[in-house]
């Protein structure tokens, strides 16, 4: 396998590993709940975004927040 091909595979795997671990801080600063436009709190342990105002939990998959209301889970405090 050529060096360039090995490097490309390494870069892709490294990027996927980093992105799957947590969401970028810059992204967290601009995201809001799509339902109420309220603040989202990042639960790093469970890799999800929580809106306490609308009581919804949005999953983060491979470092990408799924900001669809119908994909969110409801929670009780």
Protein backbone atom coordinates (compact mmCIF):
# COMPACT_ATOMS: atom_id res chain seq x y z
CA UNK A 1 0.00 0.00 0.00
CA UNK A 2 1.33 3.42 -0.90
CA UNK A 3 2.29 5.88 1.80
CA UNK A 4 -0.36 8.37 0.68
CA UNK A 5 -3.11 5.75 0.89
CA UNK A 6 -2.01 4.69 4.37
CA UNK A 7 -1.94 8.32 5.49
CA UNK A 8 -5.43 8.96 4.09
CA UNK A 9 -6.83 5.92 5.92
CA UNK A 10 -5.11 7.00 9.15
CA UNK A 11 -6.47 10.55 8.82
CA UNK A 12 -10.02 9.30 8.27
CA UNK A 13 -9.89 6.90 11.23
CA UNK A 14 -8.32 9.53 13.47
CA UNK A 15 -10.98 12.11 12.49
CA UNK A 16 -13.83 9.63 13.14
CA UNK A 17 -12.40 8.73 16.55
CA UNK A 18 -12.01 12.35 17.64
CA UNK A 19 -15.41 13.42 16.32
CA UNK A 20 -17.24 10.49 17.88
CA UNK A 21 -15.91 11.31 21.32
CA UNK A 22 -17.40 14.75 21.84
CA UNK A 23 -18.97 17.70 20.16
CA UNK A 24 -16.91 20.78 19.25
CA UNK A 25 -17.07 23.63 21.77
CA UNK A 26 -17.53 26.18 18.98
CA UNK A 27 -20.66 24.35 17.86
CA UNK A 28 -22.07 24.27 21.38
CA UNK A 29 -21.91 28.06 21.57
CA UNK A 30 -24.31 28.55 18.65
CA UNK A 31 -26.73 25.63 19.01
CA UNK A 32 -30.17 26.19 20.52
CA UNK A 33 -33.18 23.96 21.03
CA UNK A 34 -35.16 23.85 17.77
CA UNK A 35 -38.44 23.77 19.71
CA UNK A 36 -38.09 26.66 22.17
CA UNK A 37 -34.81 28.28 21.03
CA UNK A 38 -33.53 27.78 24.58
CA UNK A 39 -30.03 26.97 25.80
CA UNK A 40 -28.69 23.46 25.35
CA UNK A 41 -26.51 21.74 27.93
CA UNK A 42 -24.00 19.13 26.77
CA UNK A 43 -23.99 15.88 28.72
CA UNK A 44 -20.53 14.66 27.78
CA UNK A 45 -20.88 11.37 29.67
CA UNK A 46 -23.96 10.32 27.67
CA UNK A 47 -23.05 12.31 24.52
CA UNK A 48 -26.32 14.20 24.28
CA UNK A 49 -27.70 17.74 24.36
CA UNK A 50 -30.34 18.59 26.94
CA UNK A 51 -32.88 21.41 26.87
CA UNK A 52 -34.29 21.90 30.37
CA UNK A 53 -36.89 24.39 29.14
CA UNK A 54 -38.58 22.05 26.64
CA UNK A 55 -37.51 18.90 28.54
CA UNK A 56 -35.97 17.28 25.45
CA UNK A 57 -32.76 15.33 24.95
CA UNK A 58 -31.09 15.42 21.54
CA UNK A 59 -28.61 12.65 20.68
CA UNK A 60 -25.11 13.33 19.36
CA UNK A 61 -24.02 10.70 16.84
CA UNK A 62 -20.43 10.63 15.57
CA UNK A 63 -19.93 14.15 16.89
CA UNK A 64 -22.97 15.47 15.03
CA UNK A 65 -26.00 16.65 17.02
CA UNK A 66 -29.31 15.31 15.74
CA UNK A 67 -31.43 18.43 16.16
CA UNK A 68 -34.76 16.99 15.03
CA UNK A 69 -37.65 17.38 17.44
CA UNK A 70 -39.16 14.04 16.43
CA UNK A 71 -35.80 12.31 17.16
CA UNK A 72 -35.49 13.85 20.64
CA UNK A 73 -36.39 12.02 23.81
CA UNK A 74 -38.57 13.56 26.52
CA UNK A 75 -37.36 13.53 30.10
CA UNK A 76 -38.84 14.18 33.50
CA UNK A 77 -36.92 16.18 36.12
